[in-house]
Amino acid sequence: MKKLVLMAAAVVLPMVLAGCDKKAETPKAEASADAMEGMAMPAEAKHGKGIGTVTAIDPAKGTVTLDHSEIPELQWPAMKMGFAAKPDVLKDVKVGDRVTFEIDWDGKAGTVTAIGLEP
């Protein structure tokens, strides 16, 4: 009988000890529309087109300030605002020019992707 108990202990004890190192697994929740409701989602980049007047250009900082009319695609009223722009986009415009422009907006900052003199 002692042998039987010792053999059982020899088999069971390593299994019990091995289980002590394992962390409890948390069931993974599946994403659903209900589970995601109310969660903050990253803003989707939007693209808009506008008409405005160049009021400032800073090639060193890569910025342009535009006093623009309403931009319906972005649901913006007319305003004066600064944007990032690559030097090659700004090469043909100067302060005071009336321009058409395209902008990408990520919810925090805008980048002028195209700009040209208004026809």
PDB file of N, CA and C in Angstrom:
ATOM      1  N   MET A   1       0.823  -1.185   0.000  1.00  0.00           N
ATOM      2  CA  MET A   1       0.000   0.000   0.000  1.00  0.00           C
ATOM      3  C   MET A   1       0.873   1.257   0.000  1.00  0.00           C
ATOM      4  N   LYS A   2       1.960   1.226   0.800  1.00  0.00           N
ATOM      5  CA  LYS A   2       2.858   2.371   0.827  1.00  0.00           C
ATOM      6  C   LYS A   2       3.457   2.617  -0.552  1.00  0.00           C
ATOM      7  N   LYS A   3       3.788   1.516  -1.248  1.00  0.00           N
ATOM      8  CA  LYS A   3       4.367   1.656  -2.579  1.00  0.00           C
ATOM      9  C   LYS A   3       3.377   2.318  -3.530  1.00  0.00           C
ATOM     10  N   LEU A   4       2.135   1.940  -3.438  1.00  0.00           N
ATOM     11  CA  LEU A   4       1.107   2.498  -4.288  1.00  0.00           C
ATOM     12  C   LEU A   4       0.950   4.005  -4.027  1.00  0.00           C
ATOM     13  N   VAL A   5       0.944   4.413  -2.794  1.00  0.00           N
ATOM     14  CA  VAL A   5       0.810   5.820  -2.428  1.00  0.00           C
ATOM     15  C   VAL A   5       2.042   6.588  -2.906  1.00  0.00           C
ATOM     16  N   LEU A   6       3.231   6.027  -2.738  1.00  0.00           N
ATOM     17  CA  LEU A   6       4.462   6.691  -3.178  1.00  0.00           C
ATOM     18  C   LEU A   6       4.490   6.838  -4.699  1.00  0.00           C
ATOM     19  N   MET A   7       4.063   5.799  -5.427  1.00  0.00           N
ATOM     20  CA  MET A   7       4.047   5.883  -6.886  1.00  0.00           C
ATOM     21  C   MET A   7       3.020   6.916  -7.356  1.00  0.00           C
ATOM     22  N   ALA A   8       1.881   6.956  -6.725  1.00  0.00           N
ATOM     23  CA  ALA A   8       0.861   7.941  -7.089  1.00  0.00           C
ATOM     24  C   ALA A   8       1.375   9.353  -6.825  1.00  0.00           C
ATOM     25  N   ALA A   9       2.046   9.524  -5.691  1.00  0.00           N
ATOM     26  CA  ALA A   9       2.601  10.834  -5.351  1.00  0.00           C
ATOM     27  C   ALA A   9       3.687  11.232  -6.345  1.00  0.00           C
ATOM     28  N   ALA A  10       4.482  10.264  -6.760  1.00  0.00           N
ATOM     29  CA  ALA A  10       5.556  10.535  -7.715  1.00  0.00           C
ATOM     30  C   ALA A  10       4.995  10.961  -9.072  1.00  0.00           C
ATOM     31  N   VAL A  11       3.839  10.463  -9.427  1.00  0.00           N
ATOM     32  CA  VAL A  11       3.232  10.827 -10.701  1.00  0.00           C
ATOM     33  C   VAL A  11       2.463  12.148 -10.586  1.00  0.00           C
ATOM     34  N   VAL A  12       1.712  12.343  -9.528  1.00  0.00           N
ATOM     35  CA  VAL A  12       0.842  13.494  -9.368  1.00  0.00           C
ATOM     36  C   VAL A  12       1.621  14.752  -8.966  1.00  0.00           C
ATOM     37  N   LEU A  13       2.611  14.613  -8.093  1.00  0.00           N
ATOM     38  CA  LEU A  13       3.334  15.776  -7.574  1.00  0.00           C
ATOM     39  C   LEU A  13       3.982  16.615  -8.685  1.00  0.00           C
ATOM     40  N   PRO A  14       4.688  16.032  -9.661  1.00  0.00           N
ATOM     41  CA  PRO A  14       5.262  16.874 -10.733  1.00  0.00           C
ATOM     42  C   PRO A  14       4.197  17.614 -11.545  1.00  0.00           C
ATOM     43  N   MET A  15       3.053  16.970 -11.753  1.00  0.00           N
ATOM     44  CA  MET A  15       1.983  17.641 -12.498  1.00  0.00           C
ATOM     45  C   MET A  15       1.435  18.828 -11.715  1.00  0.00           C
ATOM     46  N   VAL A  16       1.285  18.672 -10.419  1.00  0.00           N
ATOM     47  CA  VAL A  16       0.778  19.761  -9.580  1.00  0.00           C
ATOM     48  C   VAL A  16       1.777  20.905  -9.563  1.00  0.00           C
ATOM     49  N   LEU A  17       3.056  20.604  -9.400  1.00  0.00           N
ATOM     50  CA  LEU A  17       4.080  21.642  -9.366  1.00  0.00           C
ATOM     51  C   LEU A  17       4.206  22.360 -10.712  1.00  0.00           C
ATOM     52  N   ALA A  18       4.076  21.630 -11.790  1.00  0.00           N
ATOM     53  CA  ALA A  18       4.147  22.250 -13.117  1.00  0.00           C
ATOM     54  C   ALA A  18       3.001  23.242 -13.303  1.00  0.00           C
ATOM     55  N   GLY A  19       1.857  22.950 -12.768  1.00  0.00           N
ATOM     56  CA  GLY A  19       0.698  23.823 -12.878  1.00  0.00           C
ATOM     57  C   GLY A  19       0.836  25.096 -12.067  1.00  0.00           C
ATOM     58  N   CYS A  20       1.721  25.122 -11.069  1.00  0.00           N
ATOM     59  CA  CYS A  20       1.898  26.302 -10.229  1.00  0.00           C
ATOM     60  C   CYS A  20       2.541  27.456 -10.987  1.00  0.00           C
ATOM     61  N   ASP A  21       3.342  27.175 -12.017  1.00  0.00           N
ATOM     62  CA  ASP A  21       4.009  28.233 -12.767  1.00  0.00           C
ATOM     63  C   ASP A  21       3.113  28.864 -13.825  1.00  0.00           C
ATOM     64  N   LYS A  22       2.048  28.223 -14.166  1.00  0.00           N
ATOM     65  CA  LYS A  22       1.182  28.758 -15.216  1.00  0.00           C
ATOM     66  C   LYS A  22       0.303  29.860 -14.672  1.00  0.00           C
ATOM     67  N   LYS A  23       0.170  30.915 -15.466  1.00  0.00           N
ATOM     68  CA  LYS A  23      -0.714  32.011 -15.090  1.00  0.00           C
ATOM     69  C   LYS A  23      -2.111  31.696 -15.607  1.00  0.00           C
ATOM     70  N   ALA A  24      -3.064  32.145 -14.870  1.00  0.00           N
ATOM     71  CA  ALA A  24      -4.447  31.921 -15.288  1.00  0.00           C
ATOM     72  C   ALA A  24      -4.690  32.649 -16.601  1.00  0.00           C
ATOM     73  N   GLU A  25      -5.283  31.975 -17.537  1.00  0.00           N
ATOM     74  CA  GLU A  25      -5.581  32.589 -18.824  1.00  0.00           C
ATOM     75  C   GLU A  25      -6.901  33.340 -18.736  1.00  0.00           C
ATOM     76  N   THR A  26      -6.875  34.551 -19.196  1.00  0.00           N
ATOM     77  CA  THR A  26      -8.077  35.378 -19.221  1.00  0.00           C
ATOM     78  C   THR A  26      -8.811  35.108 -20.519  1.00  0.00           C
ATOM     79  N   PRO A  27     -10.069  34.827 -20.445  1.00  0.00           N
ATOM     80  CA  PRO A  27     -10.802  34.614 -21.688  1.00  0.00           C
ATOM     81  C   PRO A  27     -10.741  35.867 -22.541  1.00  0.00           C
ATOM     82  N   LYS A  28     -10.524  35.671 -23.826  1.00  0.00           N
ATOM     83  CA  LYS A  28     -10.436  36.796 -24.746  1.00  0.00           C
ATOM     84  C   LYS A  28     -11.829  37.150 -25.246  1.00  0.00           C
ATOM     85  N   ALA A  29     -12.151  38.431 -25.105  1.00  0.00           N
ATOM     86  CA  ALA A  29     -13.453  38.899 -25.571  1.00  0.00           C
ATOM     87  C   ALA A  29     -13.378  39.153 -27.069  1.00  0.00           C
ATOM     88  N   GLU A  30     -14.394  38.768 -27.760  1.00  0.00           N
ATOM     89  CA  GLU A  30     -14.455  39.050 -29.188  1.00  0.00           C
ATOM     90  C   GLU A  30     -15.015  40.456 -29.379  1.00  0.00           C
ATOM     91  N   ALA A  31     -14.428  41.165 -30.313  1.00  0.00           N
ATOM     92  CA  ALA A  31     -14.895  42.522 -30.594  1.00  0.00           C
ATOM     93  C   ALA A  31     -16.257  42.465 -31.259  1.00  0.00           C
ATOM     94  N   SER A  32     -17.129  43.307 -30.819  1.00  0.00           N
ATOM     95  CA  SER A  32     -18.443  43.405 -31.436  1.00  0.00           C
ATOM     96  C   SER A  32     -18.829  44.876 -31.484  1.00  0.00           C
ATOM     97  N   ALA A  33     -19.821  45.176 -32.227  1.00  0.00           N
ATOM     98  CA  ALA A  33     -20.274  46.562 -32.326  1.00  0.00           C
ATOM     99  C   ALA A  33     -20.685  47.076 -30.953  1.00  0.00           C
ATOM    100  N   ASP A  34     -21.329  46.222 -30.153  1.00  0.00           N
ATOM    101  CA  ASP A  34     -21.761  46.635 -28.823  1.00  0.00           C
ATOM    102  C   ASP A  34     -20.573  46.916 -27.913  1.00  0.00           C
ATOM    103  N   ALA A  35     -19.538  46.065 -27.990  1.00  0.00           N
ATOM    104  CA  ALA A  35     -18.369  46.231 -27.133  1.00  0.00           C
ATOM    105  C   ALA A  35     -17.583  47.478 -27.500  1.00  0.00           C
ATOM    106  N   MET A  36     -17.622  47.883 -28.767  1.00  0.00           N
ATOM    107  CA  MET A  36     -16.831  49.011 -29.223  1.00  0.00           C
ATOM    108  C   MET A  36     -17.569  50.334 -29.110  1.00  0.00           C
ATOM    109  N   GLU A  37     -18.848  50.281 -28.802  1.00  0.00           N
ATOM    110  CA  GLU A  37     -19.630  51.498 -28.702  1.00  0.00           C
ATOM    111  C   GLU A  37     -19.092  52.361 -27.570  1.00  0.00           C
ATOM    112  N   GLY A  38     -18.889  53.630 -27.853  1.00  0.00           N
ATOM    113  CA  GLY A  38     -18.414  54.551 -26.826  1.00  0.00           C
ATOM    114  C   GLY A  38     -16.902  54.630 -26.723  1.00  0.00           C
ATOM    115  N   MET A  39     -16.181  53.758 -27.428  1.00  0.00           N
ATOM    116  CA  MET A  39     -14.722  53.794 -27.379  1.00  0.00           C
ATOM    117  C   MET A  39     -14.218  54.881 -28.321  1.00  0.00           C
ATOM    118  N   ALA A  40     -13.144  55.548 -27.917  1.00  0.00           N
ATOM    119  CA  ALA A  40     -12.548  56.578 -28.768  1.00  0.00           C
ATOM    120  C   ALA A  40     -11.823  55.908 -29.922  1.00  0.00           C
ATOM    121  N   MET A  41     -12.113  56.326 -31.104  1.00  0.00           N
ATOM    122  CA  MET A  41     -11.473  55.782 -32.292  1.00  0.00           C
ATOM    123  C   MET A  41     -10.541  56.840 -32.871  1.00  0.00           C
ATOM    124  N   PRO A  42      -9.446  56.406 -33.500  1.00  0.00           N
ATOM    125  CA  PRO A  42      -8.568  57.398 -34.120  1.00  0.00           C
ATOM    126  C   PRO A  42      -9.302  58.130 -35.236  1.00  0.00           C
ATOM    127  N   ALA A  43      -8.993  59.395 -35.353  1.00  0.00           N
ATOM    128  CA  ALA A  43      -9.644  60.197 -36.391  1.00  0.00           C
ATOM    129  C   ALA A  43      -9.182  59.740 -37.768  1.00  0.00           C
ATOM    130  N   GLU A  44     -10.121  59.663 -38.670  1.00  0.00           N
ATOM    131  CA  GLU A  44      -9.795  59.298 -40.047  1.00  0.00           C
ATOM    132  C   GLU A  44      -9.343  60.557 -40.767  1.00  0.00           C
ATOM    133  N   ALA A  45      -8.277  60.447 -41.525  1.00  0.00           N
ATOM    134  CA  ALA A  45      -7.793  61.596 -42.277  1.00  0.00           C
ATOM    135  C   ALA A  45      -8.857  62.021 -43.287  1.00  0.00           C
ATOM    136  N   LYS A  46      -9.029  63.330 -43.406  1.00  0.00           N
ATOM    137  CA  LYS A  46     -10.014  63.875 -44.345  1.00  0.00           C
ATOM    138  C   LYS A  46      -9.289  64.763 -45.340  1.00  0.00           C
ATOM    139  N   HIS A  47      -9.892  64.912 -46.501  1.00  0.00           N
ATOM    140  CA  HIS A  47      -9.317  65.729 -47.563  1.00  0.00           C
ATOM    141  C   HIS A  47     -10.315  66.813 -47.930  1.00  0.00           C
ATOM    142  N   GLY A  48      -9.815  68.027 -48.073  1.00  0.00           N
ATOM    143  CA  GLY A  48     -10.696  69.123 -48.443  1.00  0.00           C
ATOM    144  C   GLY A  48     -10.037  70.039 -49.462  1.00  0.00           C
ATOM    145  N   LYS A  49     -10.877  70.874 -50.088  1.00  0.00           N
ATOM    146  CA  LYS A  49     -10.412  71.850 -51.074  1.00  0.00           C
ATOM    147  C   LYS A  49     -10.938  73.205 -50.674  1.00  0.00           C
ATOM    148  N   GLY A  50     -10.110  74.232 -50.883  1.00  0.00           N
ATOM    149  CA  GLY A  50     -10.538  75.565 -50.506  1.00  0.00           C
ATOM    150  C   GLY A  50      -9.958  76.642 -51.396  1.00  0.00           C
ATOM    151  N   ILE A  51     -10.429  77.848 -51.142  1.00  0.00           N
ATOM    152  CA  ILE A  51      -9.953  79.053 -51.819  1.00  0.00           C
ATOM    153  C   ILE A  51      -9.597  80.040 -50.717  1.00  0.00           C
ATOM    154  N   GLY A  52      -8.468  80.715 -50.880  1.00  0.00           N
ATOM    155  CA  GLY A  52      -8.073  81.670 -49.851  1.00  0.00           C
ATOM    156  C   GLY A  52      -6.957  82.574 -50.307  1.00  0.00           C
ATOM    157  N   THR A  53      -6.490  83.390 -49.369  1.00  0.00           N
ATOM    158  CA  THR A  53      -5.398  84.314 -49.624  1.00  0.00           C
ATOM    159  C   THR A  53      -4.221  83.929 -48.740  1.00  0.00           C
ATOM    160  N   VAL A  54      -3.034  83.875 -49.333  1.00  0.00           N
ATOM    161  CA  VAL A  54      -1.822  83.566 -48.578  1.00  0.00           C
ATOM    162  C   VAL A  54      -1.475  84.792 -47.736  1.00  0.00           C
ATOM    163  N   THR A  55      -1.401  84.624 -46.413  1.00  0.00           N
ATOM    164  CA  THR A  55      -1.071  85.750 -45.531  1.00  0.00           C
ATOM    165  C   THR A  55       0.328  85.637 -44.954  1.00  0.00           C
ATOM    166  N   ALA A  56       0.913  84.433 -44.991  1.00  0.00           N
ATOM    167  CA  ALA A  56       2.287  84.257 -44.503  1.00  0.00           C
ATOM    168  C   ALA A  56       2.842  82.954 -45.058  1.00  0.00           C
ATOM    169  N   ILE A  57       4.166  82.965 -45.292  1.00  0.00           N
ATOM    170  CA  ILE A  57       4.867  81.755 -45.718  1.00  0.00           C
ATOM    171  C   ILE A  57       6.164  81.693 -44.918  1.00  0.00           C
ATOM    172  N   ASP A  58       6.438  80.544 -44.329  1.00  0.00           N
ATOM    173  CA  ASP A  58       7.703  80.337 -43.618  1.00  0.00           C
ATOM    174  C   ASP A  58       8.362  79.085 -44.185  1.00  0.00           C
ATOM    175  N   PRO A  59       9.198  79.254 -45.223  1.00  0.00           N
ATOM    176  CA  PRO A  59       9.830  78.082 -45.848  1.00  0.00           C
ATOM    177  C   PRO A  59      10.721  77.301 -44.876  1.00  0.00           C
ATOM    178  N   ALA A  60      11.352  77.986 -43.932  1.00  0.00           N
ATOM    179  CA  ALA A  60      12.230  77.312 -42.969  1.00  0.00           C
ATOM    180  C   ALA A  60      11.446  76.344 -42.082  1.00  0.00           C
ATOM    181  N   LYS A  61      10.236  76.746 -41.695  1.00  0.00           N
ATOM    182  CA  LYS A  61       9.382  75.886 -40.863  1.00  0.00           C
ATOM    183  C   LYS A  61       8.481  74.997 -41.705  1.00  0.00           C
ATOM    184  N   GLY A  62       8.381  75.302 -42.996  1.00  0.00           N
ATOM    185  CA  GLY A  62       7.496  74.535 -43.868  1.00  0.00           C
ATOM    186  C   GLY A  62       6.038  74.787 -43.554  1.00  0.00           C
ATOM    187  N   THR A  63       5.690  76.086 -43.388  1.00  0.00           N
ATOM    188  CA  THR A  63       4.301  76.428 -43.080  1.00  0.00           C
ATOM    189  C   THR A  63       3.789  77.532 -43.995  1.00  0.00           C
ATOM    190  N   VAL A  64       2.478  77.551 -44.149  1.00  0.00           N
ATOM    191  CA  VAL A  64       1.797  78.606 -44.889  1.00  0.00           C
ATOM    192  C   VAL A  64       0.527  78.960 -44.104  1.00  0.00           C
ATOM    193  N   THR A  65       0.235  80.251 -44.053  1.00  0.00           N
ATOM    194  CA  THR A  65      -0.988  80.700 -43.394  1.00  0.00           C
ATOM    195  C   THR A  65      -1.945  81.172 -44.477  1.00  0.00           C
ATOM    196  N   LEU A  66      -3.178  80.656 -44.400  1.00  0.00           N
ATOM    197  CA  LEU A  66      -4.201  80.974 -45.399  1.00  0.00           C
ATOM    198  C   LEU A  66      -5.418  81.584 -44.721  1.00  0.00           C
ATOM    199  N   ASP A  67      -5.919  82.658 -45.298  1.00  0.00           N
ATOM    200  CA  ASP A  67      -7.195  83.232 -44.887  1.00  0.00           C
ATOM    201  C   ASP A  67      -8.188  82.674 -45.896  1.00  0.00           C
ATOM    202  N   HIS A  68      -8.874  81.591 -45.519  1.00  0.00           N
ATOM    203  CA  HIS A  68      -9.667  80.839 -46.502  1.00  0.00           C
ATOM    204  C   HIS A  68     -11.166  80.938 -46.278  1.00  0.00           C
ATOM    205  N   SER A  69     -11.889  80.640 -47.341  1.00  0.00           N
ATOM    206  CA  SER A  69     -13.346  80.584 -47.274  1.00  0.00           C
ATOM    207  C   SER A  69     -13.748  79.238 -46.656  1.00  0.00           C
ATOM    208  N   GLU A  70     -15.037  79.016 -46.559  1.00  0.00           N
ATOM    209  CA  GLU A  70     -15.578  77.779 -45.996  1.00  0.00           C
ATOM    210  C   GLU A  70     -15.024  76.561 -46.753  1.00  0.00           C
ATOM    211  N   ILE A  71     -14.762  75.472 -45.988  1.00  0.00           N
ATOM    212  CA  ILE A  71     -14.327  74.212 -46.598  1.00  0.00           C
ATOM    213  C   ILE A  71     -15.369  73.152 -46.208  1.00  0.00           C
ATOM    214  N   PRO A  72     -16.356  72.920 -47.082  1.00  0.00           N
ATOM    215  CA  PRO A  72     -17.467  72.023 -46.749  1.00  0.00           C
ATOM    216  C   PRO A  72     -17.036  70.590 -46.408  1.00  0.00           C
ATOM    217  N   GLU A  73     -16.038  70.051 -47.107  1.00  0.00           N
ATOM    218  CA  GLU A  73     -15.626  68.656 -46.860  1.00  0.00           C
ATOM    219  C   GLU A  73     -15.135  68.448 -45.428  1.00  0.00           C
ATOM    220  N   LEU A  74     -14.599  69.504 -44.835  1.00  0.00           N
ATOM    221  CA  LEU A  74     -14.101  69.414 -43.462  1.00  0.00           C
ATOM    222  C   LEU A  74     -15.064  70.038 -42.457  1.00  0.00           C
ATOM    223  N   GLN A  75     -16.160  70.579 -42.962  1.00  0.00           N
ATOM    224  CA  GLN A  75     -17.159  71.260 -42.144  1.00  0.00           C
ATOM    225  C   GLN A  75     -16.536  72.425 -41.381  1.00  0.00           C
ATOM    226  N   TRP A  76     -15.681  73.192 -42.089  1.00  0.00           N
ATOM    227  CA  TRP A  76     -15.021  74.354 -41.507  1.00  0.00           C
ATOM    228  C   TRP A  76     -15.653  75.634 -42.016  1.00  0.00           C
ATOM    229  N   PRO A  77     -15.823  76.611 -41.134  1.00  0.00           N
ATOM    230  CA  PRO A  77     -16.233  77.938 -41.587  1.00  0.00           C
ATOM    231  C   PRO A  77     -15.010  78.673 -42.145  1.00  0.00           C
ATOM    232  N   ALA A  78     -15.234  79.832 -42.710  1.00  0.00           N
ATOM    233  CA  ALA A  78     -14.116  80.660 -43.183  1.00  0.00           C
ATOM    234  C   ALA A  78     -13.269  81.050 -41.970  1.00  0.00           C
ATOM    235  N   MET A  79     -11.947  81.014 -42.135  1.00  0.00           N
ATOM    236  CA  MET A  79     -11.048  81.393 -41.048  1.00  0.00           C
ATOM    237  C   MET A  79      -9.630  81.597 -41.574  1.00  0.00           C
ATOM    238  N   LYS A  80      -8.777  82.087 -40.719  1.00  0.00           N
ATOM    239  CA  LYS A  80      -7.360  82.259 -41.027  1.00  0.00           C
ATOM    240  C   LYS A  80      -6.608  81.220 -40.191  1.00  0.00           C
ATOM    241  N   MET A  81      -5.784  80.402 -40.878  1.00  0.00           N
ATOM    242  CA  MET A  81      -5.162  79.278 -40.183  1.00  0.00           C
ATOM    243  C   MET A  81      -3.841  78.912 -40.841  1.00  0.00           C
ATOM    244  N   GLY A  82      -2.900  78.430 -40.027  1.00  0.00           N
ATOM    245  CA  GLY A  82      -1.612  77.985 -40.535  1.00  0.00           C
ATOM    246  C   GLY A  82      -1.595  76.488 -40.776  1.00  0.00           C
ATOM    247  N   PHE A  83      -0.859  76.067 -41.803  1.00  0.00           N
ATOM    248  CA  PHE A  83      -0.769  74.660 -42.173  1.00  0.00           C
ATOM    249  C   PHE A  83       0.672  74.296 -42.515  1.00  0.00           C
ATOM    250  N   ALA A  84       0.987  73.045 -42.391  1.00  0.00           N
ATOM    251  CA  ALA A  84       2.265  72.532 -42.872  1.00  0.00           C
ATOM    252  C   ALA A  84       2.191  72.417 -44.392  1.00  0.00           C
ATOM    253  N   ALA A  85       3.347  72.591 -45.036  1.00  0.00           N
ATOM    254  CA  ALA A  85       3.418  72.437 -46.491  1.00  0.00           C
ATOM    255  C   ALA A  85       4.873  72.216 -46.873  1.00  0.00           C
ATOM    256  N   LYS A  86       5.108  71.297 -47.780  1.00  0.00           N
ATOM    257  CA  LYS A  86       6.463  71.046 -48.258  1.00  0.00           C
ATOM    258  C   LYS A  86       6.912  72.205 -49.147  1.00  0.00           C
ATOM    259  N   PRO A  87       8.219  72.497 -49.150  1.00  0.00           N
ATOM    260  CA  PRO A  87       8.724  73.617 -49.941  1.00  0.00           C
ATOM    261  C   PRO A  87       8.329  73.561 -51.416  1.00  0.00           C
ATOM    262  N   ASP A  88       8.304  72.380 -52.015  1.00  0.00           N
ATOM    263  CA  ASP A  88       7.947  72.299 -53.443  1.00  0.00           C
ATOM    264  C   ASP A  88       6.495  72.695 -53.689  1.00  0.00           C
ATOM    265  N   VAL A  89       5.624  72.536 -52.678  1.00  0.00           N
ATOM    266  CA  VAL A  89       4.224  72.943 -52.812  1.00  0.00           C
ATOM    267  C   VAL A  89       4.116  74.471 -52.785  1.00  0.00           C
ATOM    268  N   LEU A  90       5.019  75.123 -52.053  1.00  0.00           N
ATOM    269  CA  LEU A  90       4.951  76.570 -51.863  1.00  0.00           C
ATOM    270  C   LEU A  90       5.786  77.380 -52.850  1.00  0.00           C
ATOM    271  N   LYS A  91       6.519  76.731 -53.716  1.00  0.00           N
ATOM    272  CA  LYS A  91       7.508  77.434 -54.554  1.00  0.00           C
ATOM    273  C   LYS A  91       6.912  78.480 -55.499  1.00  0.00           C
ATOM    274  N   ASP A  92       5.662  78.330 -55.905  1.00  0.00           N
ATOM    275  CA  ASP A  92       5.078  79.241 -56.899  1.00  0.00           C
ATOM    276  C   ASP A  92       4.100  80.260 -56.325  1.00  0.00           C
ATOM    277  N   VAL A  93       4.033  80.374 -54.986  1.00  0.00           N
ATOM    278  CA  VAL A  93       3.097  81.333 -54.395  1.00  0.00           C
ATOM    279  C   VAL A  93       3.834  82.316 -53.501  1.00  0.00           C
ATOM    280  N   LYS A  94       3.193  83.466 -53.283  1.00  0.00           N
ATOM    281  CA  LYS A  94       3.780  84.474 -52.403  1.00  0.00           C
ATOM    282  C   LYS A  94       2.658  85.095 -51.563  1.00  0.00           C
ATOM    283  N   VAL A  95       3.051  85.790 -50.521  1.00  0.00           N
ATOM    284  CA  VAL A  95       2.085  86.461 -49.654  1.00  0.00           C
ATOM    285  C   VAL A  95       1.243  87.419 -50.495  1.00  0.00           C
ATOM    286  N   GLY A  96      -0.067  87.372 -50.292  1.00  0.00           N
ATOM    287  CA  GLY A  96      -1.010  88.213 -51.023  1.00  0.00           C
ATOM    288  C   GLY A  96      -1.681  87.500 -52.185  1.00  0.00           C
ATOM    289  N   ASP A  97      -1.140  86.351 -52.599  1.00  0.00           N
ATOM    290  CA  ASP A  97      -1.748  85.606 -53.714  1.00  0.00           C
ATOM    291  C   ASP A  97      -3.087  85.017 -53.302  1.00  0.00           C
ATOM    292  N   ARG A  98      -4.035  85.091 -54.224  1.00  0.00           N
ATOM    293  CA  ARG A  98      -5.337  84.412 -54.062  1.00  0.00           C
ATOM    294  C   ARG A  98      -5.141  83.031 -54.667  1.00  0.00           C
ATOM    295  N   VAL A  99      -5.410  81.975 -53.883  1.00  0.00           N
ATOM    296  CA  VAL A  99      -5.072  80.612 -54.299  1.00  0.00           C
ATOM    297  C   VAL A  99      -6.224  79.634 -54.098  1.00  0.00           C
ATOM    298  N   THR A 100      -6.141  78.543 -54.837  1.00  0.00           N
ATOM    299  CA  THR A 100      -6.943  77.347 -54.561  1.00  0.00           C
ATOM    300  C   THR A 100      -5.960  76.373 -53.914  1.00  0.00           C
ATOM    301  N   PHE A 101      -6.472  75.542 -53.013  1.00  0.00           N
ATOM    302  CA  PHE A 101      -5.571  74.607 -52.332  1.00  0.00           C
ATOM    303  C   PHE A 101      -6.314  73.337 -51.935  1.00  0.00           C
ATOM    304  N   GLU A 102      -5.524  72.305 -51.699  1.00  0.00           N
ATOM    305  CA  GLU A 102      -6.040  71.043 -51.184  1.00  0.00           C
ATOM    306  C   GLU A 102      -5.325  70.762 -49.873  1.00  0.00           C
ATOM    307  N   ILE A 103      -6.061  70.174 -48.942  1.00  0.00           N
ATOM    308  CA  ILE A 103      -5.515  69.939 -47.611  1.00  0.00           C
ATOM    309  C   ILE A 103      -5.902  68.567 -47.096  1.00  0.00           C
ATOM    310  N   ASP A 104      -4.988  67.931 -46.404  1.00  0.00           N
ATOM    311  CA  ASP A 104      -5.273  66.705 -45.658  1.00  0.00           C
ATOM    312  C   ASP A 104      -5.328  67.078 -44.184  1.00  0.00           C
ATOM    313  N   TRP A 105      -6.373  66.649 -43.499  1.00  0.00           N
ATOM    314  CA  TRP A 105      -6.588  66.971 -42.081  1.00  0.00           C
ATOM    315  C   TRP A 105      -6.697  65.673 -41.301  1.00  0.00           C
ATOM    316  N   ASP A 106      -5.849  65.503 -40.271  1.00  0.00           N
ATOM    317  CA  ASP A 106      -5.857  64.267 -39.482  1.00  0.00           C
ATOM    318  C   ASP A 106      -6.619  64.410 -38.167  1.00  0.00           C
ATOM    319  N   GLY A 107      -7.293  65.511 -37.982  1.00  0.00           N
ATOM    320  CA  GLY A 107      -8.034  65.742 -36.751  1.00  0.00           C
ATOM    321  C   GLY A 107      -7.276  66.640 -35.788  1.00  0.00           C
ATOM    322  N   LYS A 108      -5.977  66.826 -36.027  1.00  0.00           N
ATOM    323  CA  LYS A 108      -5.158  67.681 -35.168  1.00  0.00           C
ATOM    324  C   LYS A 108      -4.379  68.715 -35.960  1.00  0.00           C
ATOM    325  N   ALA A 109      -3.929  68.329 -37.136  1.00  0.00           N
ATOM    326  CA  ALA A 109      -3.104  69.227 -37.948  1.00  0.00           C
ATOM    327  C   ALA A 109      -3.436  69.030 -39.418  1.00  0.00           C
ATOM    328  N   GLY A 110      -3.200  70.111 -40.168  1.00  0.00           N
ATOM    329  CA  GLY A 110      -3.463  70.057 -41.601  1.00  0.00           C
ATOM    330  C   GLY A 110      -2.195  70.223 -42.393  1.00  0.00           C
ATOM    331  N   THR A 111      -2.171  69.575 -43.555  1.00  0.00           N
ATOM    332  CA  THR A 111      -1.062  69.696 -44.473  1.00  0.00           C
ATOM    333  C   THR A 111      -1.597  70.063 -45.840  1.00  0.00           C
ATOM    334  N   VAL A 112      -1.093  71.171 -46.377  1.00  0.00           N
ATOM    335  CA  VAL A 112      -1.469  71.580 -47.726  1.00  0.00           C
ATOM    336  C   VAL A 112      -0.720  70.664 -48.684  1.00  0.00           C
ATOM    337  N   THR A 113      -1.467  69.958 -49.519  1.00  0.00           N
ATOM    338  CA  THR A 113      -0.873  69.000 -50.444  1.00  0.00           C
ATOM    339  C   THR A 113      -0.752  69.556 -51.860  1.00  0.00           C
ATOM    340  N   ALA A 114      -1.511  70.586 -52.165  1.00  0.00           N
ATOM    341  CA  ALA A 114      -1.460  71.231 -53.477  1.00  0.00           C
ATOM    342  C   ALA A 114      -1.931  72.671 -53.315  1.00  0.00           C
ATOM    343  N   ILE A 115      -1.299  73.576 -54.067  1.00  0.00           N
ATOM    344  CA  ILE A 115      -1.710  74.981 -54.006  1.00  0.00           C
ATOM    345  C   ILE A 115      -1.369  75.619 -55.358  1.00  0.00           C
ATOM    346  N   GLY A 116      -2.244  76.510 -55.801  1.00  0.00           N
ATOM    347  CA  GLY A 116      -2.006  77.189 -57.075  1.00  0.00           C
ATOM    348  C   GLY A 116      -2.782  78.488 -57.127  1.00  0.00           C
ATOM    349  N   LEU A 117      -2.366  79.351 -58.007  1.00  0.00           N
ATOM    350  CA  LEU A 117      -3.048  80.635 -58.163  1.00  0.00           C
ATOM    351  C   LEU A 117      -4.480  80.406 -58.610  1.00  0.00           C
ATOM    352  N   GLU A 118      -5.392  81.178 -58.032  1.00  0.00           N
ATOM    353  CA  GLU A 118      -6.803  81.054 -58.412  1.00  0.00           C
ATOM    354  C   GLU A 118      -6.961  81.574 -59.839  1.00  0.00           C
ATOM    355  N   PRO A 119      -7.646  80.806 -60.691  1.00  0.00           N
ATOM    356  CA  PRO A 119      -7.831  81.244 -62.087  1.00  0.00           C
ATOM    357  C   PRO A 119      -8.689  82.483 -62.205  1.00  0.00           C
TER     358      PRO A 119
END
